[in-house]
Amino acid sequence: MYDTVCMIDVGCFSDSVVSEQFIDKNGRTVLWRRFNRDDWAYGRYGRRWTEMLPENERLTVNGEVFVHWYDCISDYIL
């Protein structure tokens, strides 16, 4: 168990990505989570993220749907 603060970054890479960072009291990122806007890289994948990952968590930011893609866990906590 880690005592953290969650910081949400809207537009960290572009307006198509939202990230969540869970930061501990020492300022270290414990967990980083990526959410893609539903139409992110549509030309590459040919489908929306809600179609590809229908069971994944979703966030709505300013009326846009973002779908959870992956997490990164810092190695120092493992």
N, C-alpha and C. Protein backbone atom coordinates (compact mmCIF):
# COMPACT_ATOMS: atom_id res chain seq x y z
N MET A 1 0.85 -1.17 0.00
CA MET A 1 0.00 0.00 0.00
C MET A 1 0.90 1.23 0.00
N TYR A 2 0.53 2.23 -0.82
CA TYR A 2 1.30 3.46 -0.93
C TYR A 2 0.36 4.65 -0.76
N ASP A 3 0.80 5.61 0.03
CA ASP A 3 0.06 6.85 0.21
C ASP A 3 0.48 7.78 -0.92
N THR A 4 -0.44 8.11 -1.81
CA THR A 4 -0.10 8.90 -2.99
C THR A 4 -1.11 10.02 -3.23
N VAL A 5 -0.71 10.91 -4.13
CA VAL A 5 -1.57 11.95 -4.67
C VAL A 5 -1.71 11.66 -6.16
N CYS A 6 -2.89 11.84 -6.71
CA CYS A 6 -3.10 11.61 -8.14
C CYS A 6 -3.06 12.94 -8.87
N MET A 7 -2.21 13.01 -9.89
CA MET A 7 -2.14 14.18 -10.74
C MET A 7 -2.60 13.75 -12.14
N ILE A 8 -3.55 14.48 -12.69
CA ILE A 8 -4.04 14.16 -14.03
C ILE A 8 -3.52 15.22 -14.99
N ASP A 9 -2.89 14.75 -16.06
CA ASP A 9 -2.32 15.64 -17.07
C ASP A 9 -3.12 15.50 -18.35
N VAL A 10 -3.81 16.54 -18.73
CA VAL A 10 -4.61 16.54 -19.96
C VAL A 10 -3.75 17.18 -21.05
N GLY A 11 -3.48 16.42 -22.09
CA GLY A 11 -2.68 16.94 -23.18
C GLY A 11 -1.19 16.81 -22.95
N CYS A 12 -0.77 15.78 -22.21
CA CYS A 12 0.65 15.62 -21.90
C CYS A 12 1.49 15.36 -23.16
N PHE A 13 0.97 14.61 -24.10
CA PHE A 13 1.66 14.37 -25.37
C PHE A 13 0.99 15.17 -26.48
N SER A 14 -0.32 15.18 -26.43
CA SER A 14 -1.14 15.90 -27.39
C SER A 14 -2.53 16.00 -26.78
N ASP A 15 -3.46 16.58 -27.50
CA ASP A 15 -4.81 16.65 -26.96
C ASP A 15 -5.52 15.29 -27.06
N SER A 16 -4.80 14.27 -27.51
CA SER A 16 -5.38 12.94 -27.67
C SER A 16 -5.02 11.98 -26.54
N VAL A 17 -4.23 12.46 -25.56
CA VAL A 17 -3.77 11.59 -24.47
C VAL A 17 -3.99 12.28 -23.13
N VAL A 18 -4.47 11.51 -22.16
CA VAL A 18 -4.57 11.95 -20.77
C VAL A 18 -3.77 10.96 -19.95
N SER A 19 -3.00 11.46 -18.97
CA SER A 19 -2.27 10.55 -18.09
C SER A 19 -2.62 10.83 -16.64
N GLU A 20 -2.56 9.78 -15.85
CA GLU A 20 -2.68 9.88 -14.40
C GLU A 20 -1.34 9.47 -13.81
N GLN A 21 -0.85 10.26 -12.87
CA GLN A 21 0.37 9.91 -12.16
C GLN A 21 0.06 9.86 -10.68
N PHE A 22 0.41 8.75 -10.04
CA PHE A 22 0.24 8.61 -8.60
C PHE A 22 1.61 8.82 -7.98
N ILE A 23 1.75 9.91 -7.23
CA ILE A 23 3.04 10.38 -6.73
C ILE A 23 3.08 10.22 -5.21
N ASP A 24 4.18 9.64 -4.70
CA ASP A 24 4.29 9.43 -3.26
C ASP A 24 4.84 10.68 -2.56
N LYS A 25 4.97 10.61 -1.23
CA LYS A 25 5.39 11.77 -0.44
C LYS A 25 6.82 12.20 -0.73
N ASN A 26 7.61 11.35 -1.37
CA ASN A 26 8.98 11.69 -1.76
C ASN A 26 9.06 12.27 -3.17
N GLY A 27 7.91 12.43 -3.81
CA GLY A 27 7.87 12.99 -5.16
C GLY A 27 8.12 11.97 -6.26
N ARG A 28 8.12 10.70 -5.92
CA ARG A 28 8.36 9.64 -6.91
C ARG A 28 7.03 9.16 -7.49
N THR A 29 7.05 8.89 -8.77
CA THR A 29 5.86 8.34 -9.42
C THR A 29 5.79 6.85 -9.12
N VAL A 30 4.72 6.43 -8.47
CA VAL A 30 4.50 5.03 -8.15
C VAL A 30 3.83 4.32 -9.32
N LEU A 31 2.83 4.99 -9.90
CA LEU A 31 2.06 4.41 -11.00
C LEU A 31 1.74 5.51 -12.01
N TRP A 32 1.90 5.19 -13.29
CA TRP A 32 1.57 6.10 -14.38
C TRP A 32 0.60 5.37 -15.29
N ARG A 33 -0.52 6.01 -15.62
CA ARG A 33 -1.56 5.37 -16.44
C ARG A 33 -1.84 6.22 -17.67
N ARG A 34 -1.98 5.58 -18.83
CA ARG A 34 -2.26 6.29 -20.08
C ARG A 34 -3.67 6.00 -20.56
N PHE A 35 -4.35 7.07 -20.97
CA PHE A 35 -5.68 7.00 -21.56
C PHE A 35 -5.63 7.67 -22.93
N ASN A 36 -6.14 6.98 -23.96
CA ASN A 36 -6.17 7.53 -25.31
C ASN A 36 -7.56 8.07 -25.63
N ARG A 37 -7.61 9.22 -26.31
CA ARG A 37 -8.91 9.69 -26.80
C ARG A 37 -9.46 8.63 -27.75
N ASP A 38 -10.75 8.47 -27.77
CA ASP A 38 -11.39 7.38 -28.50
C ASP A 38 -10.93 7.27 -29.95
N ASP A 39 -10.59 8.39 -30.58
CA ASP A 39 -10.16 8.35 -31.99
C ASP A 39 -8.64 8.45 -32.17
N TRP A 40 -7.86 8.30 -31.09
CA TRP A 40 -6.40 8.40 -31.19
C TRP A 40 -5.86 7.33 -32.15
N ALA A 41 -5.05 7.74 -33.11
CA ALA A 41 -4.39 6.86 -34.08
C ALA A 41 -5.40 6.00 -34.87
N TYR A 42 -6.56 6.57 -35.13
CA TYR A 42 -7.58 5.84 -35.88
C TYR A 42 -7.05 5.40 -37.24
N GLY A 43 -6.28 6.24 -37.91
CA GLY A 43 -5.72 5.89 -39.21
C GLY A 43 -4.82 4.66 -39.15
N ARG A 44 -4.12 4.46 -38.04
CA ARG A 44 -3.23 3.32 -37.89
C ARG A 44 -4.00 2.05 -37.54
N TYR A 45 -4.95 2.15 -36.61
CA TYR A 45 -5.64 0.96 -36.10
C TYR A 45 -6.97 0.67 -36.80
N GLY A 46 -7.58 1.69 -37.41
CA GLY A 46 -8.82 1.48 -38.14
C GLY A 46 -10.06 1.25 -37.28
N ARG A 47 -9.91 1.43 -35.98
CA ARG A 47 -11.03 1.29 -35.05
C ARG A 47 -10.86 2.26 -33.90
N ARG A 48 -11.95 2.54 -33.24
CA ARG A 48 -11.92 3.40 -32.06
C ARG A 48 -11.49 2.56 -30.86
N TRP A 49 -10.93 3.23 -29.86
CA TRP A 49 -10.46 2.54 -28.66
C TRP A 49 -11.62 1.91 -27.88
N THR A 50 -12.79 2.53 -27.92
CA THR A 50 -13.95 1.92 -27.25
C THR A 50 -14.34 0.60 -27.90
N GLU A 51 -14.02 0.43 -29.18
CA GLU A 51 -14.27 -0.83 -29.88
C GLU A 51 -13.18 -1.85 -29.57
N MET A 52 -11.94 -1.40 -29.57
CA MET A 52 -10.81 -2.31 -29.35
C MET A 52 -10.73 -2.78 -27.90
N LEU A 53 -11.05 -1.90 -26.96
CA LEU A 53 -10.94 -2.21 -25.54
C LEU A 53 -12.26 -1.88 -24.82
N PRO A 54 -13.33 -2.59 -25.15
CA PRO A 54 -14.66 -2.22 -24.65
C PRO A 54 -14.82 -2.33 -23.13
N GLU A 55 -14.01 -3.12 -22.47
CA GLU A 55 -14.14 -3.32 -21.02
C GLU A 55 -13.22 -2.39 -20.21
N ASN A 56 -12.35 -1.65 -20.89
CA ASN A 56 -11.39 -0.82 -20.16
C ASN A 56 -12.03 0.42 -19.55
N GLU A 57 -11.41 0.90 -18.50
CA GLU A 57 -11.87 2.10 -17.81
C GLU A 57 -11.90 3.28 -18.78
N ARG A 58 -12.82 4.18 -18.55
CA ARG A 58 -12.96 5.37 -19.40
C ARG A 58 -13.01 6.62 -18.55
N LEU A 59 -12.45 7.68 -19.09
CA LEU A 59 -12.55 9.01 -18.50
C LEU A 59 -13.23 9.91 -19.52
N THR A 60 -14.00 10.86 -19.06
CA THR A 60 -14.57 11.86 -19.95
C THR A 60 -14.01 13.21 -19.53
N VAL A 61 -13.35 13.88 -20.47
CA VAL A 61 -12.74 15.18 -20.22
C VAL A 61 -13.27 16.15 -21.26
N ASN A 62 -13.94 17.20 -20.79
CA ASN A 62 -14.52 18.20 -21.69
C ASN A 62 -15.37 17.57 -22.79
N GLY A 63 -16.12 16.53 -22.41
CA GLY A 63 -17.02 15.87 -23.35
C GLY A 63 -16.37 14.83 -24.24
N GLU A 64 -15.06 14.65 -24.15
CA GLU A 64 -14.34 13.66 -24.96
C GLU A 64 -14.09 12.40 -24.14
N VAL A 65 -14.27 11.23 -24.74
CA VAL A 65 -14.04 9.96 -24.07
C VAL A 65 -12.59 9.53 -24.28
N PHE A 66 -11.94 9.13 -23.18
CA PHE A 66 -10.58 8.60 -23.20
C PHE A 66 -10.62 7.19 -22.62
N VAL A 67 -9.92 6.25 -23.26
CA VAL A 67 -9.94 4.84 -22.88
C VAL A 67 -8.58 4.44 -22.32
N HIS A 68 -8.60 3.74 -21.18
CA HIS A 68 -7.35 3.30 -20.56
C HIS A 68 -6.64 2.32 -21.49
N TRP A 69 -5.33 2.60 -21.73
CA TRP A 69 -4.55 1.73 -22.60
C TRP A 69 -3.55 0.89 -21.80
N TYR A 70 -2.70 1.54 -21.00
CA TYR A 70 -1.72 0.76 -20.23
C TYR A 70 -1.26 1.52 -18.99
N ASP A 71 -0.60 0.79 -18.09
CA ASP A 71 -0.01 1.32 -16.87
C ASP A 71 1.48 1.09 -16.86
N CYS A 72 2.21 1.96 -16.17
CA CYS A 72 3.63 1.76 -15.90
C CYS A 72 3.82 1.84 -14.39
N ILE A 73 4.45 0.81 -13.83
CA ILE A 73 4.72 0.76 -12.40
C ILE A 73 6.21 0.95 -12.20
N SER A 74 6.58 1.85 -11.31
CA SER A 74 8.00 2.10 -11.04
C SER A 74 8.67 0.87 -10.44
N ASP A 75 9.88 0.58 -10.87
CA ASP A 75 10.57 -0.62 -10.41
C ASP A 75 10.95 -0.56 -8.93
N TYR A 76 11.12 0.63 -8.37
CA TYR A 76 11.54 0.71 -6.98
C TYR A 76 10.48 0.24 -6.00
N ILE A 77 9.23 0.10 -6.43
CA ILE A 77 8.18 -0.36 -5.52
C ILE A 77 7.93 -1.86 -5.63
N LEU A 78 8.51 -2.49 -6.62
CA LEU A 78 8.27 -3.94 -6.81
C LEU A 78 9.10 -4.79 -5.89
